[in-house]
Amino acid sequence: MVELLRGKAVVIDATVGAGGHAEALLQSGVDTVLGLDRDASAVELASGRLARFAGRFRAVVSPFSRLAEAAADAGIDRAGGVLYDLGVSSMQLDEPERGFSYRLAGPLDMRMDRSGQVRAAGDVVNTYRQEDLERILADYGEERFARRVSKAIVRARARGNLRTTEELAAVVAGAVPRQRGGPHPARRTFQALRIEVNQELEELAASLPQAVGLLEPEGRLVVLSYHSLEDRIVKQFVRADPSLRSITKKPVRASAAEIEANPRARSVRLRAAELVASEAAA
């Protein structure tokens, strides 16, 4: 990832998280990094971690859909690269009180933006109609047993609202056959709810044209996605935009060494594209 953006004057890290990518970019010689995240706690953490890069790094709270506005507010009209590291961060997964993980006991929250303007996962689970839950699980979780899971959720909440990750995971586990050695039965349900709560696919689709609009000639768009829904949006966007030249004909997967160092990298898919100079000039 760093190699694709090395030497650029300005890079926008649209998912700054704890600041790991931003730090690597700054250490590689990128002059300025603007970090964005809709999670205020992530912005605070990254700002503290990278305080030594004062004057070269700034982080602001912003969703994808306001990328161009955030850049303008920071005085940036052109960037050599825009980076997205999609999905939920390790930091968020490892905080039980955020409710992202089916492995940790916590409230059914899953909001990346906890300012109160977004419904929590518990609201979705306890108020959506069964057919709407089924659609979300099928579309966003690619869950084969979406009907069985949605019916099980509706039956369970009739006895009292589902309030914790443990309660929901147990309901799903009772509805989905589990294969020996396979992933947890609730994995796809939690993914689907997280995407619904945060409107992740809509935010990404709204942001990508803004990112390209900010690129300078030969500027690069780099996206790390973690499931086929995100990857499909990026692939189709790059193919449809004549101003972009794909650098990665196929998504780049993590190496065995990278997976050993970080098991969560197993599902990552990297795509990169470059703004064609002639198109940018036009």
C-alpha atoms as a PDB file:
ATOM      1  CA  MET A   1       0.000   0.000   0.000  1.00  0.00           C
ATOM      2  CA  VAL A   2       2.704   2.479   0.988  1.00  0.00           C
ATOM      3  CA  GLU A   3       4.646   1.770  -2.203  1.00  0.00           C
ATOM      4  CA  LEU A   4       1.656   2.803  -4.300  1.00  0.00           C
ATOM      5  CA  LEU A   5       1.560   6.224  -2.631  1.00  0.00           C
ATOM      6  CA  ARG A   6       5.224   6.827  -1.862  1.00  0.00           C
ATOM      7  CA  GLY A   7       6.497  10.228  -2.962  1.00  0.00           C
ATOM      8  CA  LYS A   8       3.097  11.894  -3.167  1.00  0.00           C
ATOM      9  CA  ALA A   9       2.899  15.399  -1.741  1.00  0.00           C
ATOM     10  CA  VAL A  10      -0.595  15.070  -0.251  1.00  0.00           C
ATOM     11  CA  VAL A  11      -2.518  11.907   0.632  1.00  0.00           C
ATOM     12  CA  ILE A  12      -5.998  11.684   2.118  1.00  0.00           C
ATOM     13  CA  ASP A  13      -6.394   8.702   4.447  1.00  0.00           C
ATOM     14  CA  ALA A  14     -10.185   8.372   4.415  1.00  0.00           C
ATOM     15  CA  THR A  15     -10.189   5.741   7.185  1.00  0.00           C
ATOM     16  CA  VAL A  16      -7.471   6.920   9.531  1.00  0.00           C
ATOM     17  CA  GLY A  17      -8.395   4.615  12.424  1.00  0.00           C
ATOM     18  CA  ALA A  18      -5.555   4.452  14.927  1.00  0.00           C
ATOM     19  CA  GLY A  19      -3.227   6.149  12.430  1.00  0.00           C
ATOM     20  CA  GLY A  20      -1.158   3.168  11.321  1.00  0.00           C
ATOM     21  CA  HIS A  21      -1.398   3.789   7.581  1.00  0.00           C
ATOM     22  CA  ALA A  22      -0.971   7.538   8.024  1.00  0.00           C
ATOM     23  CA  GLU A  23       2.166   6.994  10.073  1.00  0.00           C
ATOM     24  CA  ALA A  24       3.638   4.661   7.438  1.00  0.00           C
ATOM     25  CA  LEU A  25       2.887   7.187   4.696  1.00  0.00           C
ATOM     26  CA  LEU A  26       4.497  10.052   6.593  1.00  0.00           C
ATOM     27  CA  GLN A  27       7.568   7.944   7.356  1.00  0.00           C
ATOM     28  CA  SER A  28       7.827   7.008   3.669  1.00  0.00           C
ATOM     29  CA  GLY A  29       8.204  10.660   2.668  1.00  0.00           C
ATOM     30  CA  VAL A  30       4.642  11.776   1.933  1.00  0.00           C
ATOM     31  CA  ASP A  31       4.619  15.488   2.769  1.00  0.00           C
ATOM     32  CA  THR A  32       1.098  15.850   4.168  1.00  0.00           C
ATOM     33  CA  VAL A  33      -1.607  13.412   5.261  1.00  0.00           C
ATOM     34  CA  LEU A  34      -5.186  14.388   6.000  1.00  0.00           C
ATOM     35  CA  GLY A  35      -6.875  11.680   8.051  1.00  0.00           C
ATOM     36  CA  LEU A  36     -10.645  11.231   8.076  1.00  0.00           C
ATOM     37  CA  ASP A  37     -12.779   8.991  10.268  1.00  0.00           C
ATOM     38  CA  ARG A  38     -16.422   9.081  11.286  1.00  0.00           C
ATOM     39  CA  ASP A  39     -15.381   7.697  14.692  1.00  0.00           C
ATOM     40  CA  ALA A  40     -14.386  10.623  16.923  1.00  0.00           C
ATOM     41  CA  SER A  41     -12.431   8.346  19.270  1.00  0.00           C
ATOM     42  CA  ALA A  42     -10.293   7.177  16.344  1.00  0.00           C
ATOM     43  CA  VAL A  43      -9.543  10.760  15.328  1.00  0.00           C
ATOM     44  CA  GLU A  44      -8.493  11.551  18.881  1.00  0.00           C
ATOM     45  CA  LEU A  45      -6.277   8.469  19.062  1.00  0.00           C
ATOM     46  CA  ALA A  46      -4.609   9.092  15.689  1.00  0.00           C
ATOM     47  CA  SER A  47      -4.027  12.761  16.514  1.00  0.00           C
ATOM     48  CA  GLY A  48      -2.234  11.813  19.722  1.00  0.00           C
ATOM     49  CA  ARG A  49      -0.225   9.048  18.121  1.00  0.00           C
ATOM     50  CA  LEU A  50       0.992  11.281  15.302  1.00  0.00           C
ATOM     51  CA  ALA A  51       1.473  14.483  17.282  1.00  0.00           C
ATOM     52  CA  ARG A  52       5.165  14.433  16.354  1.00  0.00           C
ATOM     53  CA  PHE A  53       4.142  15.084  12.740  1.00  0.00           C
ATOM     54  CA  ALA A  54       2.576  18.430  13.623  1.00  0.00           C
ATOM     55  CA  GLY A  55       2.238  20.513  10.478  1.00  0.00           C
ATOM     56  CA  ARG A  56       2.228  17.421   8.266  1.00  0.00           C
ATOM     57  CA  PHE A  57      -0.704  15.496   9.730  1.00  0.00           C
ATOM     58  CA  ARG A  58      -4.236  16.489  10.611  1.00  0.00           C
ATOM     59  CA  ALA A  59      -7.234  14.305  11.477  1.00  0.00           C
ATOM     60  CA  VAL A  60     -10.882  15.333  11.330  1.00  0.00           C
ATOM     61  CA  VAL A  61     -14.217  13.650  12.015  1.00  0.00           C
ATOM     62  CA  SER A  62     -15.962  13.045   8.699  1.00  0.00           C
ATOM     63  CA  PRO A  63     -17.935  10.302   6.924  1.00  0.00           C
ATOM     64  CA  PHE A  64     -16.981   9.166   3.433  1.00  0.00           C
ATOM     65  CA  SER A  65     -19.877  11.053   1.897  1.00  0.00           C
ATOM     66  CA  ARG A  66     -18.365  14.395   2.962  1.00  0.00           C
ATOM     67  CA  LEU A  67     -14.851  13.674   1.689  1.00  0.00           C
ATOM     68  CA  ALA A  68     -14.671  16.650  -0.683  1.00  0.00           C
ATOM     69  CA  GLU A  69     -16.064  19.013   1.964  1.00  0.00           C
ATOM     70  CA  ALA A  70     -13.560  17.814   4.569  1.00  0.00           C
ATOM     71  CA  ALA A  71     -10.688  18.278   2.113  1.00  0.00           C
ATOM     72  CA  ALA A  72     -11.856  21.792   1.227  1.00  0.00           C
ATOM     73  CA  ASP A  73     -12.151  22.710   4.895  1.00  0.00           C
ATOM     74  CA  ALA A  74      -8.538  21.567   5.345  1.00  0.00           C
ATOM     75  CA  GLY A  75      -7.396  23.718   2.408  1.00  0.00           C
ATOM     76  CA  ILE A  76      -6.781  20.762   0.085  1.00  0.00           C
ATOM     77  CA  ASP A  77      -7.951  21.063  -3.513  1.00  0.00           C
ATOM     78  CA  ARG A  78      -5.732  18.353  -5.008  1.00  0.00           C
ATOM     79  CA  ALA A  79      -4.226  15.143  -3.627  1.00  0.00           C
ATOM     80  CA  GLY A  80      -1.670  12.709  -4.924  1.00  0.00           C
ATOM     81  CA  GLY A  81      -3.601   9.833  -3.426  1.00  0.00           C
ATOM     82  CA  VAL A  82      -6.729   8.819  -1.571  1.00  0.00           C
ATOM     83  CA  LEU A  83      -6.632   5.692   0.585  1.00  0.00           C
ATOM     84  CA  TYR A  84      -9.534   3.664   1.962  1.00  0.00           C
ATOM     85  CA  ASP A  85      -9.138   0.798   4.436  1.00  0.00           C
ATOM     86  CA  LEU A  86     -12.743  -0.342   4.616  1.00  0.00           C
ATOM     87  CA  GLY A  87     -14.798  -2.218   7.168  1.00  0.00           C
ATOM     88  CA  VAL A  88     -14.464  -2.269  10.926  1.00  0.00           C
ATOM     89  CA  SER A  89     -11.076  -1.598  12.493  1.00  0.00           C
ATOM     90  CA  SER A  90      -9.257  -3.929  14.863  1.00  0.00           C
ATOM     91  CA  MET A  91      -9.537  -1.221  17.487  1.00  0.00           C
ATOM     92  CA  GLN A  92     -13.336  -1.198  17.205  1.00  0.00           C
ATOM     93  CA  LEU A  93     -13.605  -4.987  17.144  1.00  0.00           C
ATOM     94  CA  ASP A  94     -11.543  -5.308  20.296  1.00  0.00           C
ATOM     95  CA  GLU A  95     -13.674  -2.867  22.331  1.00  0.00           C
ATOM     96  CA  PRO A  96     -16.593  -4.875  23.815  1.00  0.00           C
ATOM     97  CA  GLU A  97     -18.625  -1.742  24.525  1.00  0.00           C
ATOM     98  CA  ARG A  98     -18.776  -0.952  20.803  1.00  0.00           C
ATOM     99  CA  GLY A  99     -20.745  -4.143  20.128  1.00  0.00           C
ATOM    100  CA  PHE A 100     -19.064  -5.060  16.837  1.00  0.00           C
ATOM    101  CA  SER A 101     -17.866  -8.523  17.834  1.00  0.00           C
ATOM    102  CA  TYR A 102     -19.931 -11.661  18.342  1.00  0.00           C
ATOM    103  CA  ARG A 103     -17.030 -13.028  20.383  1.00  0.00           C
ATOM    104  CA  LEU A 104     -17.115 -10.306  23.064  1.00  0.00           C
ATOM    105  CA  ALA A 105     -19.975  -9.485  25.427  1.00  0.00           C
ATOM    106  CA  GLY A 106     -21.301  -6.003  24.877  1.00  0.00           C
ATOM    107  CA  PRO A 107     -24.340  -3.907  23.914  1.00  0.00           C
ATOM    108  CA  LEU A 108     -25.869  -4.204  20.457  1.00  0.00           C
ATOM    109  CA  ASP A 109     -24.405  -0.943  19.196  1.00  0.00           C
ATOM    110  CA  MET A 110     -22.119  -1.224  16.112  1.00  0.00           C
ATOM    111  CA  ARG A 111     -22.192   2.519  15.395  1.00  0.00           C
ATOM    112  CA  MET A 112     -18.967   3.952  14.015  1.00  0.00           C
ATOM    113  CA  ASP A 113     -20.380   7.427  14.672  1.00  0.00           C
ATOM    114  CA  ARG A 114     -21.678   7.494  18.247  1.00  0.00           C
ATOM    115  CA  SER A 115     -22.913  11.088  18.164  1.00  0.00           C
ATOM    116  CA  GLY A 116     -26.488   9.862  18.501  1.00  0.00           C
ATOM    117  CA  GLN A 117     -27.579  10.582  14.936  1.00  0.00           C
ATOM    118  CA  VAL A 118     -27.415   6.934  13.819  1.00  0.00           C
ATOM    119  CA  ARG A 119     -29.600   4.052  15.000  1.00  0.00           C
ATOM    120  CA  ALA A 120     -27.794   1.295  16.864  1.00  0.00           C
ATOM    121  CA  ALA A 121     -27.846  -2.387  15.919  1.00  0.00           C
ATOM    122  CA  GLY A 122     -30.266  -3.087  18.756  1.00  0.00           C
ATOM    123  CA  ASP A 123     -32.801  -0.768  17.126  1.00  0.00           C
ATOM    124  CA  VAL A 124     -32.497  -2.673  13.850  1.00  0.00           C
ATOM    125  CA  VAL A 125     -32.781  -6.086  15.490  1.00  0.00           C
ATOM    126  CA  ASN A 126     -35.743  -5.170  17.660  1.00  0.00           C
ATOM    127  CA  THR A 127     -37.828  -2.981  15.335  1.00  0.00           C
ATOM    128  CA  TYR A 128     -37.293  -4.058  11.722  1.00  0.00           C
ATOM    129  CA  ARG A 129     -39.900  -6.283  10.119  1.00  0.00           C
ATOM    130  CA  GLN A 130     -38.928  -9.896   9.561  1.00  0.00           C
ATOM    131  CA  GLU A 131     -38.821  -9.463   5.771  1.00  0.00           C
ATOM    132  CA  ASP A 132     -36.537  -6.420   6.123  1.00  0.00           C
ATOM    133  CA  LEU A 133     -34.183  -8.312   8.421  1.00  0.00           C
ATOM    134  CA  GLU A 134     -34.133 -11.162   5.919  1.00  0.00           C
ATOM    135  CA  ARG A 135     -33.250  -8.780   3.089  1.00  0.00           C
ATOM    136  CA  ILE A 136     -30.417  -7.175   5.062  1.00  0.00           C
ATOM    137  CA  LEU A 137     -28.954 -10.539   6.059  1.00  0.00           C
ATOM    138  CA  ALA A 138     -29.158 -11.846   2.497  1.00  0.00           C
ATOM    139  CA  ASP A 139     -27.867  -8.708   0.763  1.00  0.00           C
ATOM    140  CA  TYR A 140     -25.282  -7.434   3.233  1.00  0.00           C
ATOM    141  CA  GLY A 141     -24.275 -10.640   4.978  1.00  0.00           C
ATOM    142  CA  GLU A 142     -24.712 -13.012   2.008  1.00  0.00           C
ATOM    143  CA  GLU A 143     -26.260 -15.318   4.596  1.00  0.00           C
ATOM    144  CA  ARG A 144     -27.653 -18.560   3.102  1.00  0.00           C
ATOM    145  CA  PHE A 145     -29.965 -18.986   6.069  1.00  0.00           C
ATOM    146  CA  ALA A 146     -31.281 -15.410   6.113  1.00  0.00           C
ATOM    147  CA  ARG A 147     -34.912 -16.472   6.428  1.00  0.00           C
ATOM    148  CA  ARG A 148     -34.229 -18.856   9.287  1.00  0.00           C
ATOM    149  CA  VAL A 149     -32.129 -16.287  11.147  1.00  0.00           C
ATOM    150  CA  SER A 150     -34.620 -13.445  10.683  1.00  0.00           C
ATOM    151  CA  LYS A 151     -37.483 -15.630  11.910  1.00  0.00           C
ATOM    152  CA  ALA A 152     -35.427 -16.722  14.914  1.00  0.00           C
ATOM    153  CA  ILE A 153     -34.689 -13.084  15.784  1.00  0.00           C
ATOM    154  CA  VAL A 154     -38.373 -12.140  15.589  1.00  0.00           C
ATOM    155  CA  ARG A 155     -39.345 -15.098  17.790  1.00  0.00           C
ATOM    156  CA  ALA A 156     -36.655 -14.233  20.338  1.00  0.00           C
ATOM    157  CA  ARG A 157     -37.509 -10.536  20.564  1.00  0.00           C
ATOM    158  CA  ALA A 158     -41.183 -11.392  21.162  1.00  0.00           C
ATOM    159  CA  ARG A 159     -40.025 -12.649  24.575  1.00  0.00           C
ATOM    160  CA  GLY A 160     -38.134  -9.402  25.233  1.00  0.00           C
ATOM    161  CA  ASN A 161     -35.781  -7.106  23.328  1.00  0.00           C
ATOM    162  CA  LEU A 162     -32.369  -8.471  22.375  1.00  0.00           C
ATOM    163  CA  ARG A 163     -29.884  -6.163  24.068  1.00  0.00           C
ATOM    164  CA  THR A 164     -26.443  -7.783  23.955  1.00  0.00           C
ATOM    165  CA  THR A 165     -24.080  -9.316  21.446  1.00  0.00           C
ATOM    166  CA  GLU A 166     -24.187 -12.564  23.441  1.00  0.00           C
ATOM    167  CA  GLU A 167     -27.960 -12.794  23.169  1.00  0.00           C
ATOM    168  CA  LEU A 168     -27.975 -12.171  19.425  1.00  0.00           C
ATOM    169  CA  ALA A 169     -25.078 -14.550  18.748  1.00  0.00           C
ATOM    170  CA  ALA A 170     -26.879 -17.299  20.660  1.00  0.00           C
ATOM    171  CA  VAL A 171     -30.089 -16.770  18.682  1.00  0.00           C
ATOM    172  CA  VAL A 172     -28.211 -16.962  15.380  1.00  0.00           C
ATOM    173  CA  ALA A 173     -26.220 -20.004  16.484  1.00  0.00           C
ATOM    174  CA  GLY A 174     -29.492 -21.766  17.185  1.00  0.00           C
ATOM    175  CA  ALA A 175     -30.754 -21.062  13.679  1.00  0.00           C
ATOM    176  CA  VAL A 176     -27.649 -21.699  11.540  1.00  0.00           C
ATOM    177  CA  PRO A 177     -25.967 -25.082  11.200  1.00  0.00           C
ATOM    178  CA  ARG A 178     -22.356 -24.853  12.317  1.00  0.00           C
ATOM    179  CA  GLN A 179     -19.651 -26.731  10.504  1.00  0.00           C
ATOM    180  CA  ARG A 180     -16.832 -28.232  12.518  1.00  0.00           C
ATOM    181  CA  GLY A 181     -13.867 -25.875  12.269  1.00  0.00           C
ATOM    182  CA  GLY A 182     -15.893 -23.297  10.359  1.00  0.00           C
ATOM    183  CA  PRO A 183     -16.501 -19.645  11.212  1.00  0.00           C
ATOM    184  CA  HIS A 184     -18.921 -18.639  13.937  1.00  0.00           C
ATOM    185  CA  PRO A 185     -22.556 -18.862  12.726  1.00  0.00           C
ATOM    186  CA  ALA A 186     -23.168 -15.221  13.677  1.00  0.00           C
ATOM    187  CA  ARG A 187     -20.332 -13.807  11.568  1.00  0.00           C
ATOM    188  CA  ARG A 188     -22.475 -12.947   8.547  1.00  0.00           C
ATOM    189  CA  THR A 189     -25.343 -11.591  10.648  1.00  0.00           C
ATOM    190  CA  PHE A 190     -23.042  -9.218  12.511  1.00  0.00           C
ATOM    191  CA  GLN A 191     -21.477  -8.070   9.240  1.00  0.00           C
ATOM    192  CA  ALA A 192     -24.905  -7.369   7.739  1.00  0.00           C
ATOM    193  CA  LEU A 193     -26.101  -5.413  10.762  1.00  0.00           C
ATOM    194  CA  ARG A 194     -22.920  -3.347  10.893  1.00  0.00           C
ATOM    195  CA  ILE A 195     -23.249  -2.423   7.222  1.00  0.00           C
ATOM    196  CA  GLU A 196     -26.909  -1.485   7.689  1.00  0.00           C
ATOM    197  CA  VAL A 197     -26.285   0.578  10.823  1.00  0.00           C
ATOM    198  CA  ASN A 198     -23.460   2.570   9.244  1.00  0.00           C
ATOM    199  CA  GLN A 199     -24.788   2.646   5.662  1.00  0.00           C
ATOM    200  CA  GLU A 200     -21.317   1.563   4.615  1.00  0.00           C
ATOM    201  CA  LEU A 201     -22.001   0.698   0.986  1.00  0.00           C
ATOM    202  CA  GLU A 202     -23.948   3.897   0.310  1.00  0.00           C
ATOM    203  CA  GLU A 203     -21.208   5.950   1.960  1.00  0.00           C
ATOM    204  CA  LEU A 204     -18.522   4.280  -0.166  1.00  0.00           C
ATOM    205  CA  ALA A 205     -20.453   4.730  -3.419  1.00  0.00           C
ATOM    206  CA  ALA A 206     -21.010   8.420  -2.629  1.00  0.00           C
ATOM    207  CA  SER A 207     -17.357   8.972  -1.742  1.00  0.00           C
ATOM    208  CA  LEU A 208     -15.482   7.403  -4.650  1.00  0.00           C
ATOM    209  CA  PRO A 209     -16.414  10.080  -7.246  1.00  0.00           C
ATOM    210  CA  GLN A 210     -15.370  12.757  -4.758  1.00  0.00           C
ATOM    211  CA  ALA A 211     -12.017  11.047  -4.283  1.00  0.00           C
ATOM    212  CA  VAL A 212     -11.365  10.969  -8.032  1.00  0.00           C
ATOM    213  CA  GLY A 213     -12.384  14.625  -8.276  1.00  0.00           C
ATOM    214  CA  LEU A 214      -9.610  15.483  -5.832  1.00  0.00           C
ATOM    215  CA  LEU A 215      -6.843  13.542  -7.573  1.00  0.00           C
ATOM    216  CA  GLU A 216      -4.071  15.393  -9.373  1.00  0.00           C
ATOM    217  CA  PRO A 217      -2.694  14.004 -12.671  1.00  0.00           C
ATOM    218  CA  GLU A 218      -1.345  10.500 -12.022  1.00  0.00           C
ATOM    219  CA  GLY A 219      -2.866  10.613  -8.554  1.00  0.00           C
ATOM    220  CA  ARG A 220      -3.861   7.251  -7.160  1.00  0.00           C
ATOM    221  CA  LEU A 221      -6.969   5.753  -5.608  1.00  0.00           C
ATOM    222  CA  VAL A 222      -6.113   2.815  -3.312  1.00  0.00           C
ATOM    223  CA  VAL A 223      -8.806   0.711  -1.643  1.00  0.00           C
ATOM    224  CA  LEU A 224      -8.477  -2.149   0.821  1.00  0.00           C
ATOM    225  CA  SER A 225     -11.770  -4.060   1.097  1.00  0.00           C
ATOM    226  CA  TYR A 226     -12.678  -7.100   3.150  1.00  0.00           C
ATOM    227  CA  HIS A 227     -15.727  -8.641   1.519  1.00  0.00           C
ATOM    228  CA  SER A 228     -17.142  -9.011  -1.963  1.00  0.00           C
ATOM    229  CA  LEU A 229     -19.789  -6.294  -1.581  1.00  0.00           C
ATOM    230  CA  GLU A 230     -17.214  -3.549  -1.051  1.00  0.00           C
ATOM    231  CA  ASP A 231     -14.852  -4.971  -3.636  1.00  0.00           C
ATOM    232  CA  ARG A 232     -17.595  -5.137  -6.261  1.00  0.00           C
ATOM    233  CA  ILE A 233     -18.463  -1.456  -5.801  1.00  0.00           C
ATOM    234  CA  VAL A 234     -14.812  -0.454  -6.219  1.00  0.00           C
ATOM    235  CA  LYS A 235     -14.218  -2.734  -9.207  1.00  0.00           C
ATOM    236  CA  GLN A 236     -17.305  -1.530 -11.066  1.00  0.00           C
ATOM    237  CA  PHE A 237     -16.561   2.112 -10.281  1.00  0.00           C
ATOM    238  CA  VAL A 238     -13.014   1.910 -11.645  1.00  0.00           C
ATOM    239  CA  ARG A 239     -14.164   0.092 -14.776  1.00  0.00           C
ATOM    240  CA  ALA A 240     -16.893   2.663 -15.456  1.00  0.00           C
ATOM    241  CA  ASP A 241     -14.738   5.764 -14.997  1.00  0.00           C
ATOM    242  CA  PRO A 242     -12.782   6.551 -18.191  1.00  0.00           C
ATOM    243  CA  SER A 243     -10.476   8.894 -16.301  1.00  0.00           C
ATOM    244  CA  LEU A 244      -9.034   5.976 -14.304  1.00  0.00           C
ATOM    245  CA  ARG A 245      -6.441   3.407 -15.310  1.00  0.00           C
ATOM    246  CA  SER A 246      -6.453   0.281 -13.199  1.00  0.00           C
ATOM    247  CA  ILE A 247      -3.065  -0.555 -11.685  1.00  0.00           C
ATOM    248  CA  THR A 248      -4.244  -3.858 -10.234  1.00  0.00           C
ATOM    249  CA  LYS A 249      -5.996  -5.925 -12.893  1.00  0.00           C
ATOM    250  CA  LYS A 250      -6.976  -8.372 -10.166  1.00  0.00           C
ATOM    251  CA  PRO A 251      -7.317  -7.659  -6.450  1.00  0.00           C
ATOM    252  CA  VAL A 252      -4.060  -8.115  -4.557  1.00  0.00           C
ATOM    253  CA  ARG A 253      -4.332 -10.505  -1.610  1.00  0.00           C
ATOM    254  CA  ALA A 254      -2.232 -10.604   1.547  1.00  0.00           C
ATOM    255  CA  SER A 255       0.857 -12.797   1.556  1.00  0.00           C
ATOM    256  CA  ALA A 256       1.251 -15.763   3.882  1.00  0.00           C
ATOM    257  CA  ALA A 257       3.664 -13.741   6.007  1.00  0.00           C
ATOM    258  CA  GLU A 258       1.192 -10.847   6.262  1.00  0.00           C
ATOM    259  CA  ILE A 259      -1.592 -13.202   7.278  1.00  0.00           C
ATOM    260  CA  GLU A 260       0.610 -14.839   9.888  1.00  0.00           C
ATOM    261  CA  ALA A 261       1.425 -11.420  11.342  1.00  0.00           C
ATOM    262  CA  ASN A 262      -2.209 -10.284  11.158  1.00  0.00           C
ATOM    263  CA  PRO A 263      -4.837 -13.046  10.693  1.00  0.00           C
ATOM    264  CA  ARG A 264      -7.498 -10.428   9.888  1.00  0.00           C
ATOM    265  CA  ALA A 265      -5.607  -9.681   6.656  1.00  0.00           C
ATOM    266  CA  ARG A 266      -6.730 -13.049   5.292  1.00  0.00           C
ATOM    267  CA  SER A 267      -9.774 -11.537   3.589  1.00  0.00           C
ATOM    268  CA  VAL A 268      -8.248  -8.268   2.360  1.00  0.00           C
ATOM    269  CA  ARG A 269      -8.396  -7.318  -1.318  1.00  0.00           C
ATOM    270  CA  LEU A 270      -6.425  -4.344  -2.576  1.00  0.00           C
ATOM    271  CA  ARG A 271      -7.359  -2.460  -5.730  1.00  0.00           C
ATOM    272  CA  ALA A 272      -5.571   0.604  -7.067  1.00  0.00           C
ATOM    273  CA  ALA A 273      -6.190   2.951  -9.975  1.00  0.00           C
ATOM    274  CA  GLU A 274      -4.458   6.027 -11.361  1.00  0.00           C
ATOM    275  CA  LEU A 275      -5.923   9.202 -12.811  1.00  0.00           C
ATOM    276  CA  VAL A 276      -4.959   9.388 -16.463  1.00  0.00           C
ATOM    277  CA  ALA A 277      -2.980  12.575 -16.974  1.00  0.00           C
ATOM    278  CA  SER A 278      -4.783  13.604 -20.159  1.00  0.00           C
ATOM    279  CA  GLU A 279      -8.166  13.211 -18.494  1.00  0.00           C
ATOM    280  CA  ALA A 280      -7.028  15.201 -15.482  1.00  0.00           C
ATOM    281  CA  ALA A 281      -5.795  18.009 -17.745  1.00  0.00           C
ATOM    282  CA  ALA A 282      -9.103  18.093 -19.569  1.00  0.00           C
END
